[in-house]
Amino acid sequence: MKKKDLNVKVSLEADEVASYLESLAKSIRDGKVVIESGNKFISLTPSYKMDVEIEAKQKDDKEKISILLAWKCFEKKEGGLKLEISSNEPENQQQEECQSESSEYDASKEEPSSES
């Protein structure tokens, strides 16, 4: 997948910031976050599980909150992730760029067995 990013830095009134955060929360709940600035945009598909990092700082007369949301692309299905195992590829379907969490298996990351 090609890397795509969009950075925006602007000063806003507190009510405007709250409105943007409310829109972000609704978009996450809806399963699609589209951020536009000028003629550029990025469309993200949040996973059902996200990593959240919140950092708050105070120094003299300046305060800061940083919120980082990160996730891996997982297919979201009703009732959880759908898993099928067979020797047949689905007909008339293209392979998705983001694979399900269960398909990312790396045997080298397993801990050695203590059984002898």
N, C-alpha and C. Protein backbone atom coordinates (compact mmCIF):
# COMPACT_ATOMS: atom_id res chain seq x y z
N MET A 1 0.84 -1.17 0.00
CA MET A 1 0.00 0.00 0.00
C MET A 1 0.89 1.24 0.00
N LYS A 2 0.58 2.20 -0.85
CA LYS A 2 1.34 3.43 -0.96
C LYS A 2 1.14 4.31 0.27
N LYS A 3 2.21 4.90 0.77
CA LYS A 3 2.13 5.77 1.94
C LYS A 3 1.47 7.08 1.54
N LYS A 4 0.53 7.51 2.37
CA LYS A 4 -0.17 8.76 2.12
C LYS A 4 -0.34 9.45 3.46
N ASP A 5 -0.05 10.75 3.54
CA ASP A 5 -0.23 11.46 4.79
C ASP A 5 -0.72 12.87 4.53
N LEU A 6 -1.28 13.46 5.57
CA LEU A 6 -1.80 14.82 5.51
C LEU A 6 -1.54 15.46 6.86
N ASN A 7 -0.84 16.57 6.89
CA ASN A 7 -0.53 17.28 8.14
C ASN A 7 -1.17 18.66 8.10
N VAL A 8 -1.85 19.02 9.19
CA VAL A 8 -2.49 20.32 9.30
C VAL A 8 -2.16 20.89 10.67
N LYS A 9 -1.72 22.14 10.70
CA LYS A 9 -1.45 22.82 11.97
C LYS A 9 -2.12 24.18 11.88
N VAL A 10 -3.04 24.45 12.82
CA VAL A 10 -3.81 25.69 12.78
C VAL A 10 -4.23 26.06 14.20
N SER A 11 -4.45 27.34 14.46
CA SER A 11 -4.97 27.79 15.75
C SER A 11 -6.48 27.98 15.62
N LEU A 12 -7.23 27.38 16.54
CA LEU A 12 -8.69 27.44 16.50
C LEU A 12 -9.21 27.82 17.88
N GLU A 13 -10.45 28.30 17.92
CA GLU A 13 -11.11 28.54 19.20
C GLU A 13 -11.51 27.20 19.80
N ALA A 14 -11.63 27.16 21.13
CA ALA A 14 -11.93 25.91 21.84
C ALA A 14 -13.19 25.23 21.32
N ASP A 15 -14.25 26.00 21.01
CA ASP A 15 -15.48 25.41 20.49
C ASP A 15 -15.25 24.71 19.15
N GLU A 16 -14.42 25.29 18.30
CA GLU A 16 -14.11 24.67 17.01
C GLU A 16 -13.33 23.37 17.20
N VAL A 17 -12.38 23.37 18.14
CA VAL A 17 -11.61 22.16 18.44
C VAL A 17 -12.55 21.06 18.91
N ALA A 18 -13.46 21.40 19.84
CA ALA A 18 -14.42 20.42 20.35
C ALA A 18 -15.29 19.87 19.22
N SER A 19 -15.68 20.72 18.31
CA SER A 19 -16.49 20.28 17.16
C SER A 19 -15.72 19.29 16.28
N TYR A 20 -14.44 19.59 16.02
CA TYR A 20 -13.61 18.66 15.24
C TYR A 20 -13.45 17.32 15.96
N LEU A 21 -13.23 17.36 17.28
CA LEU A 21 -13.09 16.12 18.04
C LEU A 21 -14.39 15.31 18.04
N GLU A 22 -15.53 15.99 18.13
CA GLU A 22 -16.83 15.30 18.04
C GLU A 22 -17.00 14.65 16.67
N SER A 23 -16.61 15.36 15.62
CA SER A 23 -16.68 14.79 14.26
C SER A 23 -15.76 13.59 14.11
N LEU A 24 -14.58 13.66 14.72
CA LEU A 24 -13.65 12.54 14.68
C LEU A 24 -14.25 11.33 15.39
N ALA A 25 -14.82 11.56 16.59
CA ALA A 25 -15.43 10.45 17.34
C ALA A 25 -16.56 9.81 16.55
N LYS A 26 -17.41 10.61 15.92
CA LYS A 26 -18.52 10.07 15.11
C LYS A 26 -17.98 9.28 13.92
N SER A 27 -16.95 9.80 13.28
CA SER A 27 -16.37 9.12 12.13
C SER A 27 -15.77 7.77 12.54
N ILE A 28 -15.11 7.72 13.69
CA ILE A 28 -14.56 6.45 14.18
C ILE A 28 -15.69 5.46 14.41
N ARG A 29 -16.78 5.92 15.05
CA ARG A 29 -17.94 5.03 15.28
C ARG A 29 -18.54 4.55 13.96
N ASP A 30 -18.55 5.42 12.95
CA ASP A 30 -19.10 5.08 11.63
C ASP A 30 -18.18 4.17 10.83
N GLY A 31 -16.90 4.05 11.25
CA GLY A 31 -15.97 3.16 10.57
C GLY A 31 -15.21 3.77 9.41
N LYS A 32 -15.28 5.08 9.25
CA LYS A 32 -14.52 5.74 8.18
C LYS A 32 -14.20 7.17 8.62
N VAL A 33 -12.92 7.53 8.54
CA VAL A 33 -12.48 8.87 8.89
C VAL A 33 -11.86 9.49 7.63
N VAL A 34 -12.46 10.59 7.17
CA VAL A 34 -11.93 11.31 6.01
C VAL A 34 -11.50 12.69 6.49
N ILE A 35 -10.24 13.01 6.28
CA ILE A 35 -9.70 14.32 6.68
C ILE A 35 -9.35 15.07 5.40
N GLU A 36 -9.90 16.27 5.27
CA GLU A 36 -9.68 17.09 4.08
C GLU A 36 -9.06 18.43 4.47
N SER A 37 -8.15 18.90 3.67
CA SER A 37 -7.58 20.23 3.83
C SER A 37 -7.23 20.75 2.45
N GLY A 38 -7.90 21.82 2.04
CA GLY A 38 -7.68 22.34 0.69
C GLY A 38 -8.12 21.30 -0.33
N ASN A 39 -7.24 21.00 -1.28
CA ASN A 39 -7.57 20.00 -2.29
C ASN A 39 -6.98 18.63 -1.98
N LYS A 40 -6.51 18.44 -0.74
CA LYS A 40 -5.93 17.15 -0.33
C LYS A 40 -6.87 16.48 0.68
N PHE A 41 -6.85 15.15 0.66
CA PHE A 41 -7.62 14.41 1.66
C PHE A 41 -6.98 13.06 1.89
N ILE A 42 -7.34 12.47 3.01
CA ILE A 42 -6.93 11.10 3.32
C ILE A 42 -8.14 10.40 3.92
N SER A 43 -8.35 9.17 3.50
CA SER A 43 -9.48 8.38 3.98
C SER A 43 -8.94 7.18 4.75
N LEU A 44 -9.35 7.05 6.01
CA LEU A 44 -8.86 5.99 6.88
C LEU A 44 -10.03 5.12 7.33
N THR A 45 -9.76 3.84 7.54
CA THR A 45 -10.77 2.90 8.01
C THR A 45 -10.32 2.33 9.35
N PRO A 46 -10.81 2.93 10.45
CA PRO A 46 -10.39 2.47 11.77
C PRO A 46 -10.79 1.02 12.03
N SER A 47 -9.94 0.33 12.73
CA SER A 47 -10.19 -1.05 13.12
C SER A 47 -11.08 -1.07 14.35
N TYR A 48 -11.62 -2.22 14.68
CA TYR A 48 -12.42 -2.37 15.89
C TYR A 48 -11.56 -2.26 17.14
N LYS A 49 -10.25 -2.43 16.99
CA LYS A 49 -9.31 -2.34 18.11
C LYS A 49 -8.23 -1.33 17.76
N MET A 50 -8.00 -0.38 18.67
CA MET A 50 -7.05 0.70 18.39
C MET A 50 -6.09 0.86 19.56
N ASP A 51 -4.87 1.29 19.24
CA ASP A 51 -3.91 1.68 20.27
C ASP A 51 -4.11 3.18 20.52
N VAL A 52 -4.17 3.56 21.79
CA VAL A 52 -4.40 4.95 22.16
C VAL A 52 -3.28 5.41 23.07
N GLU A 53 -2.70 6.56 22.73
CA GLU A 53 -1.65 7.15 23.56
C GLU A 53 -2.05 8.60 23.83
N ILE A 54 -2.14 8.96 25.11
CA ILE A 54 -2.49 10.33 25.49
C ILE A 54 -1.36 10.88 26.35
N GLU A 55 -0.91 12.06 25.99
CA GLU A 55 0.17 12.72 26.73
C GLU A 55 -0.28 14.14 27.05
N ALA A 56 -0.16 14.52 28.32
CA ALA A 56 -0.52 15.87 28.75
C ALA A 56 0.71 16.51 29.40
N LYS A 57 0.94 17.79 29.07
CA LYS A 57 2.11 18.50 29.59
C LYS A 57 1.72 19.91 30.04
N GLN A 58 2.39 20.37 31.08
CA GLN A 58 2.30 21.75 31.54
C GLN A 58 3.71 22.28 31.71
N LYS A 59 3.96 23.47 31.20
CA LYS A 59 5.26 24.11 31.39
C LYS A 59 5.03 25.62 31.37
N ASP A 60 5.32 26.24 32.49
CA ASP A 60 5.12 27.68 32.64
C ASP A 60 3.70 28.06 32.24
N ASP A 61 3.53 28.86 31.19
CA ASP A 61 2.20 29.32 30.79
C ASP A 61 1.68 28.55 29.57
N LYS A 62 2.25 27.38 29.28
CA LYS A 62 1.84 26.61 28.11
C LYS A 62 1.39 25.21 28.53
N GLU A 63 0.27 24.75 27.98
CA GLU A 63 -0.25 23.42 28.24
C GLU A 63 -0.48 22.71 26.90
N LYS A 64 -0.41 21.38 26.96
CA LYS A 64 -0.50 20.62 25.71
C LYS A 64 -1.11 19.25 25.98
N ILE A 65 -1.98 18.81 25.09
CA ILE A 65 -2.49 17.44 25.09
C ILE A 65 -2.21 16.86 23.71
N SER A 66 -1.56 15.73 23.67
CA SER A 66 -1.33 15.02 22.41
C SER A 66 -2.09 13.70 22.47
N ILE A 67 -2.84 13.42 21.42
CA ILE A 67 -3.59 12.17 21.34
C ILE A 67 -3.16 11.45 20.07
N LEU A 68 -2.70 10.22 20.24
CA LEU A 68 -2.28 9.41 19.10
C LEU A 68 -3.18 8.18 19.04
N LEU A 69 -3.81 7.97 17.91
CA LEU A 69 -4.63 6.79 17.66
C LEU A 69 -3.95 6.01 16.54
N ALA A 70 -3.77 4.73 16.74
CA ALA A 70 -3.11 3.90 15.73
C ALA A 70 -3.80 2.54 15.67
N TRP A 71 -3.79 1.93 14.50
CA TRP A 71 -4.38 0.61 14.32
C TRP A 71 -3.81 -0.04 13.09
N LYS A 72 -3.97 -1.33 13.04
CA LYS A 72 -3.63 -2.09 11.84
C LYS A 72 -4.93 -2.33 11.08
N CYS A 73 -4.82 -2.46 9.80
CA CYS A 73 -6.01 -2.67 8.98
C CYS A 73 -6.52 -4.09 9.17
N PHE A 74 -7.71 -4.20 9.72
CA PHE A 74 -8.37 -5.49 9.91
C PHE A 74 -9.75 -5.40 9.30
N GLU A 75 -10.21 -6.50 8.78
CA GLU A 75 -11.55 -6.56 8.23
C GLU A 75 -12.53 -6.66 9.40
N LYS A 76 -13.51 -5.78 9.42
CA LYS A 76 -14.50 -5.79 10.50
C LYS A 76 -15.76 -6.48 9.98
N LYS A 77 -16.17 -7.49 10.67
CA LYS A 77 -17.37 -8.25 10.29
C LYS A 77 -18.30 -8.30 11.48
N GLU A 78 -19.59 -8.48 11.20
CA GLU A 78 -20.56 -8.69 12.28
C GLU A 78 -20.16 -9.94 13.04
N GLY A 79 -20.17 -9.88 14.35
CA GLY A 79 -19.81 -11.04 15.16
C GLY A 79 -18.31 -11.27 15.24
N GLY A 80 -17.49 -10.30 14.89
CA GLY A 80 -16.04 -10.46 14.98
C GLY A 80 -15.42 -10.74 13.63
N LEU A 81 -14.16 -11.10 13.64
CA LEU A 81 -13.44 -11.39 12.41
C LEU A 81 -13.91 -12.71 11.82
N LYS A 82 -14.07 -12.73 10.53
CA LYS A 82 -14.48 -13.95 9.84
C LYS A 82 -13.23 -14.71 9.43
N LEU A 83 -13.21 -15.99 9.75
CA LEU A 83 -12.06 -16.82 9.41
C LEU A 83 -12.55 -18.03 8.65
N GLU A 84 -11.98 -18.24 7.48
CA GLU A 84 -12.26 -19.44 6.70
C GLU A 84 -10.93 -20.03 6.28
N ILE A 85 -10.84 -21.35 6.32
CA ILE A 85 -9.62 -22.04 5.90
C ILE A 85 -10.00 -23.07 4.86
N SER A 86 -9.38 -22.98 3.70
CA SER A 86 -9.62 -23.95 2.65
C SER A 86 -8.46 -23.89 1.67
N SER A 87 -8.50 -24.75 0.67
CA SER A 87 -7.47 -24.72 -0.37
C SER A 87 -7.97 -23.97 -1.61
N ASN A 88 -9.17 -23.41 -1.55
CA ASN A 88 -9.77 -22.71 -2.69
C ASN A 88 -9.82 -21.21 -2.46
N GLU A 89 -9.40 -20.45 -3.47
CA GLU A 89 -9.51 -19.01 -3.40
C GLU A 89 -10.95 -18.60 -3.74
N PRO A 90 -11.45 -17.52 -3.12
CA PRO A 90 -12.80 -17.06 -3.45
C PRO A 90 -12.87 -16.63 -4.90
N GLU A 91 -13.98 -16.92 -5.54
CA GLU A 91 -14.16 -16.56 -6.94
C GLU A 91 -14.57 -15.09 -7.05
N ASN A 92 -14.06 -14.42 -8.07
CA ASN A 92 -14.43 -13.04 -8.40
C ASN A 92 -14.20 -12.06 -7.26
N GLN A 93 -13.20 -12.28 -6.44
CA GLN A 93 -12.86 -11.34 -5.38
C GLN A 93 -11.38 -11.02 -5.46
N GLN A 94 -11.06 -9.74 -5.30
CA GLN A 94 -9.66 -9.34 -5.28
C GLN A 94 -9.13 -9.49 -3.86
N GLN A 95 -7.86 -9.82 -3.75
CA GLN A 95 -7.24 -9.92 -2.44
C GLN A 95 -7.21 -8.53 -1.83
N GLU A 96 -7.62 -8.40 -0.57
CA GLU A 96 -7.65 -7.12 0.10
C GLU A 96 -6.25 -6.70 0.52
N GLU A 97 -6.02 -5.37 0.53
CA GLU A 97 -4.71 -4.85 0.94
C GLU A 97 -4.47 -5.10 2.42
N CYS A 98 -5.49 -4.97 3.23
CA CYS A 98 -5.37 -5.20 4.66
C CYS A 98 -5.90 -6.58 4.97
N GLN A 99 -5.07 -7.42 5.56
CA GLN A 99 -5.46 -8.78 5.88
C GLN A 99 -6.00 -8.83 7.29
N SER A 100 -6.75 -9.87 7.61
CA SER A 100 -7.29 -10.01 8.96
C SER A 100 -6.17 -10.28 9.94
N GLU A 101 -6.42 -9.92 11.18
CA GLU A 101 -5.41 -10.06 12.24
C GLU A 101 -4.95 -11.51 12.34
N SER A 102 -5.84 -12.45 12.16
CA SER A 102 -5.51 -13.86 12.32
C SER A 102 -4.56 -14.36 11.24
N SER A 103 -4.47 -13.66 10.10
CA SER A 103 -3.61 -14.15 9.03
C SER A 103 -2.16 -13.71 9.21
N GLU A 104 -1.88 -12.85 10.18
CA GLU A 104 -0.53 -12.36 10.39
C GLU A 104 0.17 -13.21 11.43
N TYR A 105 0.66 -14.36 11.05
CA TYR A 105 1.30 -15.31 11.94
C TYR A 105 2.76 -15.37 11.61
N ASP A 106 3.59 -15.21 12.63
CA ASP A 106 5.03 -15.28 12.44
C ASP A 106 5.57 -16.27 13.47
N ALA A 107 5.93 -17.47 13.03
CA ALA A 107 6.41 -18.52 13.93
C ALA A 107 7.67 -18.12 14.67
N SER A 108 8.48 -17.23 14.09
CA SER A 108 9.73 -16.82 14.74
C SER A 108 9.48 -16.00 16.00
N LYS A 109 8.27 -15.48 16.18
CA LYS A 109 7.95 -14.68 17.36
C LYS A 109 7.42 -15.51 18.51
N GLU A 110 7.21 -16.80 18.29
CA GLU A 110 6.71 -17.67 19.34
C GLU A 110 7.80 -17.93 20.37
N GLU A 111 7.37 -18.06 21.63
CA GLU A 111 8.31 -18.37 22.69
C GLU A 111 8.66 -19.85 22.61
N PRO A 112 9.90 -20.22 22.90
CA PRO A 112 10.27 -21.63 22.86
C PRO A 112 9.46 -22.42 23.89
N SER A 113 9.12 -23.61 23.53
CA SER A 113 8.34 -24.49 24.43
C SER A 113 9.23 -24.98 25.56
N SER A 114 8.65 -25.02 26.77
CA SER A 114 9.42 -25.49 27.92
C SER A 114 9.33 -27.01 28.07
N GLU A 115 8.49 -27.65 27.24
CA GLU A 115 8.34 -29.11 27.29
C GLU A 115 9.52 -29.77 26.58
N SER A 116 10.01 -30.89 27.13
CA SER A 116 11.14 -31.58 26.50
C SER A 116 10.72 -32.95 26.06
